[in-house]
Amino acid sequence: AQFLVRNAALAPDRIIGVETGGCPHTAIREDASINLEAVDRLNRAFPGVEIIFVESGGDNLAATFSPELSDLTIYVIDVSAGDKIPRKGGPGITKSDLLVINKIDLAPLVGASLEVMDHDSRKMRGERPFIFSNLKTGHGLADIIAFVERQGLLQSERA
């Protein structure tokens, strides 16, 4: 949240943090009501809002992000975690609407093979899309934006 405010990406009143009182992975999986209340508060505070991002942080690939919370799910993994991540599966890898494999520029530095990640992503996701990206340089960003606009039924302001 601080990063988004500091970089003027969002105003502080457009960010709502939730505290689960325990492990957020378990709390989200077992009871989405706290997060649903935060979404409801944003909708009331900003009538006509078109998009709300709900982030589930952490590195637990087995955690289930409650499908009640979103119309569209994007799961982002980091190449520096290794090329075996897609192969490990988990709901984020196999069921998200879009898998983003980010920081591809780090692959040679950490000994990760993008070819292996491509093969394993295809195997684990079937027909579900995935995108290789380096969001620091903007590589893949246009494809991600196009996916969100198309699948989220949003109109591009660039059009």
Protein backbone atom coordinates (compact mmCIF):
# COMPACT_ATOMS: atom_id res chain seq x y z
CA ALA A 1 0.00 0.00 0.00
CA GLN A 2 2.78 2.42 0.90
CA PHE A 3 4.49 1.78 -2.44
CA LEU A 4 1.29 2.59 -4.35
CA VAL A 5 0.71 5.80 -2.40
CA ARG A 6 4.36 6.90 -2.51
CA ASN A 7 4.44 6.45 -6.28
CA ALA A 8 1.09 8.21 -6.72
CA ALA A 9 -0.48 5.11 -8.29
CA LEU A 10 -3.46 5.28 -5.92
CA ALA A 11 -4.80 7.71 -3.36
CA PRO A 12 -4.69 6.39 0.23
CA ASP A 13 -8.49 6.34 0.49
CA ARG A 14 -8.64 3.87 -2.42
CA ILE A 15 -6.66 1.24 -0.53
CA ILE A 16 -8.18 -0.88 2.22
CA GLY A 17 -6.04 -3.29 4.18
CA VAL A 18 -7.64 -6.20 5.97
CA GLU A 19 -6.33 -7.96 9.05
CA THR A 20 -7.33 -11.56 9.47
CA GLY A 21 -5.86 -12.12 12.91
CA GLY A 22 -4.03 -15.18 11.64
CA CYS A 23 -2.49 -16.68 8.55
CA PRO A 24 -4.03 -14.77 5.62
CA HIS A 25 -3.91 -17.83 3.36
CA THR A 26 -6.12 -19.81 5.72
CA ALA A 27 -8.39 -16.90 6.57
CA ILE A 28 -9.11 -16.10 2.91
CA ARG A 29 -9.77 -19.74 2.13
CA GLU A 30 -12.11 -20.32 5.08
CA ASP A 31 -14.01 -17.03 5.21
CA ALA A 32 -13.99 -14.39 2.51
CA SER A 33 -16.35 -12.06 4.42
CA ILE A 34 -13.64 -9.62 5.61
CA ASN A 35 -12.42 -9.14 2.04
CA LEU A 36 -15.95 -8.94 0.66
CA GLU A 37 -16.72 -6.18 3.18
CA ALA A 38 -13.64 -4.24 1.99
CA VAL A 39 -14.82 -4.58 -1.62
CA ASP A 40 -18.29 -3.41 -0.59
CA ARG A 41 -16.82 -0.37 1.21
CA LEU A 42 -14.86 0.60 -1.91
CA ASN A 43 -17.96 0.23 -4.08
CA ARG A 44 -19.95 2.48 -1.73
CA ALA A 45 -17.16 5.06 -1.46
CA PHE A 46 -16.53 5.22 -5.20
CA PRO A 47 -19.78 4.68 -7.12
CA GLY A 48 -19.16 3.67 -10.70
CA VAL A 49 -15.77 2.13 -9.99
CA GLU A 50 -14.95 -0.37 -12.74
CA ILE A 51 -12.16 -2.39 -11.22
CA ILE A 52 -11.02 -3.40 -7.76
CA PHE A 53 -7.82 -5.34 -7.17
CA VAL A 54 -7.76 -7.88 -4.34
CA GLU A 55 -4.25 -9.10 -3.62
CA SER A 56 -3.44 -12.30 -1.81
CA GLY A 57 0.22 -12.15 -0.92
CA GLY A 58 2.61 -14.87 0.01
CA ASP A 59 4.39 -17.77 -1.56
CA ASN A 60 2.11 -20.63 -0.58
CA LEU A 61 1.32 -22.29 -3.89
CA ALA A 62 -1.25 -24.53 -2.22
CA ALA A 63 -3.27 -21.64 -0.79
CA THR A 64 -6.67 -21.27 -2.34
CA PHE A 65 -7.72 -17.74 -3.15
CA SER A 66 -11.46 -17.61 -2.64
CA PRO A 67 -13.23 -17.45 -6.02
CA GLU A 68 -15.97 -15.45 -4.26
CA LEU A 69 -13.63 -12.46 -4.27
CA SER A 70 -13.10 -11.97 -7.97
CA ASP A 71 -14.46 -12.07 -11.45
CA LEU A 72 -10.97 -12.41 -12.92
CA THR A 73 -7.86 -13.93 -11.34
CA ILE A 74 -4.28 -13.22 -12.35
CA TYR A 75 -1.54 -15.25 -10.71
CA VAL A 76 1.97 -13.78 -10.87
CA ILE A 77 5.10 -15.83 -10.31
CA ASP A 78 8.70 -14.69 -10.27
CA VAL A 79 11.29 -16.46 -12.44
CA SER A 80 13.83 -16.10 -9.64
CA ALA A 81 11.84 -18.65 -7.61
CA GLY A 82 13.02 -21.23 -10.14
CA ASP A 83 11.81 -22.94 -13.28
CA LYS A 84 10.07 -25.71 -11.31
CA ILE A 85 7.30 -23.41 -10.03
CA PRO A 86 4.81 -24.06 -12.88
CA ARG A 87 5.37 -27.81 -12.52
CA LYS A 88 4.39 -27.68 -8.84
CA GLY A 89 0.87 -26.76 -9.86
CA GLY A 90 -1.53 -25.48 -7.25
CA PRO A 91 -4.70 -23.52 -7.90
CA GLY A 92 -2.92 -20.31 -8.90
CA ILE A 93 -0.94 -22.10 -11.59
CA THR A 94 -3.71 -24.36 -12.85
CA LYS A 95 -6.94 -22.40 -12.37
CA SER A 96 -6.19 -18.68 -12.61
CA ASP A 97 -7.57 -16.87 -15.62
CA LEU A 98 -4.06 -15.67 -16.48
CA LEU A 99 -0.63 -16.76 -15.29
CA VAL A 100 2.05 -14.07 -15.50
CA ILE A 101 5.64 -15.31 -15.39
CA ASN A 102 7.48 -12.14 -14.46
CA LYS A 103 11.12 -11.03 -14.23
CA ILE A 104 12.21 -13.11 -17.21
CA ASP A 105 15.41 -11.07 -17.37
CA LEU A 106 16.57 -12.84 -14.20
CA ALA A 107 16.39 -16.34 -15.72
CA PRO A 108 20.08 -16.59 -16.68
CA LEU A 109 21.14 -15.17 -13.31
CA VAL A 110 19.27 -17.83 -11.32
CA GLY A 111 19.75 -20.73 -13.73
CA ALA A 112 16.07 -20.90 -14.69
CA SER A 113 15.04 -22.11 -18.12
CA LEU A 114 12.21 -20.17 -19.75
CA GLU A 115 11.77 -23.11 -22.13
CA VAL A 116 11.13 -25.44 -19.17
CA MET A 117 8.70 -22.92 -17.68
CA ASP A 118 6.92 -22.63 -21.04
CA HIS A 119 6.60 -26.41 -21.38
CA ASP A 120 5.45 -26.93 -17.80
CA SER A 121 2.98 -24.03 -17.94
CA ARG A 122 1.39 -25.49 -21.08
CA LYS A 123 1.19 -28.91 -19.43
CA MET A 124 -0.29 -27.64 -16.15
CA ARG A 125 -2.65 -25.01 -17.62
CA GLY A 126 -3.93 -26.72 -20.75
CA GLU A 127 -5.68 -24.04 -22.82
CA ARG A 128 -5.48 -21.36 -20.11
CA PRO A 129 -3.24 -18.44 -21.13
CA PHE A 130 0.07 -17.38 -19.66
CA ILE A 131 2.39 -14.51 -20.45
CA PHE A 132 6.13 -14.10 -19.98
CA SER A 133 6.95 -10.59 -18.80
CA ASN A 134 9.53 -8.19 -17.50
CA LEU A 135 7.29 -5.53 -16.06
CA LYS A 136 10.25 -3.36 -15.13
CA THR A 137 10.94 -2.80 -18.83
CA GLY A 138 7.33 -3.17 -19.96
CA HIS A 139 7.87 -6.45 -21.85
CA GLY A 140 4.53 -8.27 -21.88
CA LEU A 141 2.62 -5.38 -20.30
CA ALA A 142 0.54 -4.63 -23.40
CA ASP A 143 -0.55 -8.29 -23.54
CA ILE A 144 -1.55 -8.25 -19.86
CA ILE A 145 -3.51 -5.02 -20.30
CA ALA A 146 -5.26 -6.41 -23.39
CA PHE A 147 -6.19 -9.57 -21.47
CA VAL A 148 -7.63 -7.59 -18.55
CA GLU A 149 -9.58 -5.30 -20.88
CA ARG A 150 -10.92 -8.23 -22.91
CA GLN A 151 -11.68 -10.67 -20.10
CA GLY A 152 -12.68 -8.03 -17.57
CA LEU A 153 -14.99 -6.44 -20.14
CA LEU A 154 -13.33 -3.06 -19.68
CA GLN A 155 -13.03 -0.39 -22.32
CA SER A 156 -9.58 0.88 -23.10
CA GLU A 157 -9.04 4.56 -22.44
CA ARG A 158 -6.39 4.47 -25.18
CA ALA A 159 -9.04 3.73 -27.82
